[in-house]
């Protein structure tokens, strides 16, 4: 099994997108035993998608669209880097959601807001639980969002 990095090719002309747009739709290069493993989705949107996969040992990899043959270590390193980039992007999104939820309760902490001691304690606990979201074991993929103490009717 060979590890390869490749890009899309035009469905009809087989010209790689590194040379010209895939006007007839994108396709994978015609490589014997090609198995897609992952894409560099963290870099989307892009005109030149980057895919990683495997193919048969005897497959011809000197064809348009194949960007390189990799070692197993290079392939694994690229996969780990992509997973870390996706996690970082997901973490940024979750933190923005968390920050918006915290900001939505700012008015409840105003000194003249009639919330009472019990309500104030509940809001403070909720805001602390939101600040603790990045400490959760499943962060950023699995989030157990705290329940808001704000009652809406």
Protein backbone atom coordinates (compact mmCIF):
# COMPACT_ATOMS: atom_id res chain seq x y z
CA UNK A 1 0.00 0.00 0.00
CA UNK A 2 1.24 3.48 -0.95
CA UNK A 3 0.27 6.67 0.85
CA UNK A 4 -0.48 9.52 -1.52
CA UNK A 5 -1.50 13.18 -1.55
CA UNK A 6 -3.66 14.18 -4.49
CA UNK A 7 -6.07 16.78 -5.79
CA UNK A 8 -9.19 16.77 -7.95
CA UNK A 9 -9.13 16.36 -11.72
CA UNK A 10 -11.68 17.36 -14.36
CA UNK A 11 -14.20 14.53 -14.81
CA UNK A 12 -13.78 14.43 -18.61
CA UNK A 13 -10.43 16.00 -19.49
CA UNK A 14 -8.61 14.56 -16.41
CA UNK A 15 -6.68 17.84 -16.09
CA UNK A 16 -5.87 18.52 -12.42
CA UNK A 17 -7.38 21.58 -10.77
CA UNK A 18 -3.84 22.84 -10.18
CA UNK A 19 -3.71 23.50 -13.96
CA UNK A 20 -7.32 24.49 -14.81
CA UNK A 21 -10.77 24.58 -13.19
CA UNK A 22 -12.78 21.35 -13.32
CA UNK A 23 -15.42 22.70 -15.71
CA UNK A 24 -16.98 19.24 -16.19
CA UNK A 25 -17.07 18.53 -12.47
CA UNK A 26 -14.38 17.26 -10.14
CA UNK A 27 -13.25 13.65 -9.86
CA UNK A 28 -10.44 11.76 -8.17
CA UNK A 29 -7.48 10.67 -10.30
CA UNK A 30 -7.82 7.18 -11.80
CA UNK A 31 -5.40 5.30 -9.54
CA UNK A 32 -5.52 1.56 -9.01
CA UNK A 33 -6.97 0.78 -5.58
CA UNK A 34 -7.42 4.42 -4.55
CA UNK A 35 -8.94 4.71 -1.08
CA UNK A 36 -9.76 8.21 0.20
CA UNK A 37 -8.62 8.71 3.81
CA UNK A 38 -9.12 12.42 4.60
CA UNK A 39 -9.09 15.92 3.12
CA UNK A 40 -7.60 19.16 4.36
CA UNK A 41 -11.05 20.55 5.12
CA UNK A 42 -9.61 23.05 7.58
CA UNK A 43 -8.29 24.96 4.56
CA UNK A 44 -11.66 25.16 2.76
CA UNK A 45 -12.87 27.03 0.79
CA UNK A 46 -10.13 26.41 -1.74
CA UNK A 47 -9.82 26.03 -5.49
CA UNK A 48 -7.31 23.23 -5.02
CA UNK A 49 -8.64 20.62 -2.60
CA UNK A 50 -6.00 18.44 -0.98
CA UNK A 51 -6.83 14.79 -0.40
CA UNK A 52 -4.89 12.01 1.29
CA UNK A 53 -5.36 8.36 0.64
CA UNK A 54 -3.86 5.00 -0.15
CA UNK A 55 -3.49 3.01 -3.34
CA UNK A 56 -2.11 -0.32 -4.49
CA UNK A 57 1.67 -0.79 -4.23
CA UNK A 58 1.94 -1.27 -7.97
CA UNK A 59 -0.33 1.69 -8.86
CA UNK A 60 1.03 4.28 -11.29
CA UNK A 61 1.25 7.48 -9.25
CA UNK A 62 2.95 9.49 -11.99
CA UNK A 63 -0.38 10.76 -13.32
CA UNK A 64 -2.10 14.16 -13.31
CA UNK A 65 -3.62 14.96 -9.94
CA UNK A 66 -1.19 12.98 -7.80
CA UNK A 67 0.83 15.50 -5.82
CA UNK A 68 3.14 13.10 -4.07
CA UNK A 69 3.84 9.73 -2.56
CA UNK A 70 4.27 9.90 1.21
CA UNK A 71 5.77 7.75 3.89
CA UNK A 72 3.42 6.31 6.51
CA UNK A 73 4.86 8.81 9.01
CA UNK A 74 4.24 11.80 6.71
CA UNK A 75 0.68 10.61 6.09
CA UNK A 76 0.01 10.16 9.81
CA UNK A 77 1.55 13.54 10.61
CA UNK A 78 -0.69 15.26 8.04
CA UNK A 79 -3.76 13.53 9.48
CA UNK A 80 -2.91 14.58 13.04
CA UNK A 81 -2.28 18.17 11.90
CA UNK A 82 -5.64 18.24 10.10
CA UNK A 83 -7.48 16.90 13.16
CA UNK A 84 -5.79 19.52 15.35
CA UNK A 85 -6.74 22.30 12.91
CA UNK A 86 -10.36 21.12 12.85
CA UNK A 87 -10.43 20.97 16.66
CA UNK A 88 -9.03 24.50 16.89
CA UNK A 89 -11.67 25.80 14.46
CA UNK A 90 -14.44 24.00 16.35
CA UNK A 91 -13.13 25.38 19.65
CA UNK A 92 -13.26 28.94 18.27
CA UNK A 93 -16.90 28.45 17.24
CA UNK A 94 -17.87 26.98 20.62
CA UNK A 95 -16.13 29.81 22.47
CA UNK A 96 -17.99 32.39 20.36
CA UNK A 97 -21.30 30.66 21.22
CA UNK A 98 -20.33 30.55 24.88
CA UNK A 99 -19.34 34.24 24.88
CA UNK A 100 -22.67 35.17 23.31
CA UNK A 101 -24.55 33.24 26.00
CA UNK A 102 -22.56 34.97 28.73
CA UNK A 103 -23.17 38.38 27.14
CA UNK A 104 -26.90 37.63 26.99
CA UNK A 105 -26.95 37.56 30.80
CA UNK A 106 -24.93 40.73 31.42
CA UNK A 107 -28.03 42.81 32.11
CA UNK A 108 -28.99 40.47 34.96
CA UNK A 109 -25.90 41.54 36.91
CA UNK A 110 -26.71 45.25 36.81
CA UNK A 111 -27.04 46.57 40.37
CA UNK A 112 -30.53 47.95 39.77
CA UNK A 113 -31.93 44.80 38.06
CA UNK A 114 -34.62 43.23 40.30
CA UNK A 115 -33.43 39.62 40.33
CA UNK A 116 -33.05 38.88 44.05
CA UNK A 117 -30.24 37.06 45.84
CA UNK A 118 -31.39 33.58 44.73
CA UNK A 119 -31.70 34.62 41.09
CA UNK A 120 -28.34 36.38 41.20
CA UNK A 121 -26.67 33.24 42.57
CA UNK A 122 -28.26 31.14 39.80
CA UNK A 123 -27.06 33.56 37.10
CA UNK A 124 -23.53 33.60 38.53
CA UNK A 125 -23.46 29.79 38.64
CA UNK A 126 -24.70 29.63 35.03
CA UNK A 127 -22.07 32.09 33.85
CA UNK A 128 -19.35 30.12 35.64
CA UNK A 129 -20.59 26.89 34.05
CA UNK A 130 -20.37 28.60 30.65
CA UNK A 131 -16.81 29.77 31.38
CA UNK A 132 -15.97 26.14 32.29
CA UNK A 133 -17.22 24.72 28.96
CA UNK A 134 -13.66 24.49 27.50
CA UNK A 135 -12.69 22.32 30.49
CA UNK A 136 -15.22 19.60 29.59
CA UNK A 137 -13.79 16.24 28.54
CA UNK A 138 -15.47 16.25 25.10
CA UNK A 139 -14.56 19.83 24.21
CA UNK A 140 -14.92 20.99 21.45
CA UNK A 141 -16.86 18.14 19.78
CA UNK A 142 -19.22 17.18 22.61
CA UNK A 143 -20.53 20.01 24.75
CA UNK A 144 -22.87 19.64 27.71
CA UNK A 145 -24.35 23.13 27.70
CA UNK A 146 -25.61 24.34 31.11
CA UNK A 147 -29.27 25.21 31.47
CA UNK A 148 -30.02 28.92 31.52
CA UNK A 149 -31.67 30.21 34.70
CA UNK A 150 -33.58 32.76 32.60
CA UNK A 151 -37.22 31.82 32.27
CA UNK A 152 -38.85 32.98 29.05
CA UNK A 153 -42.55 32.72 28.40
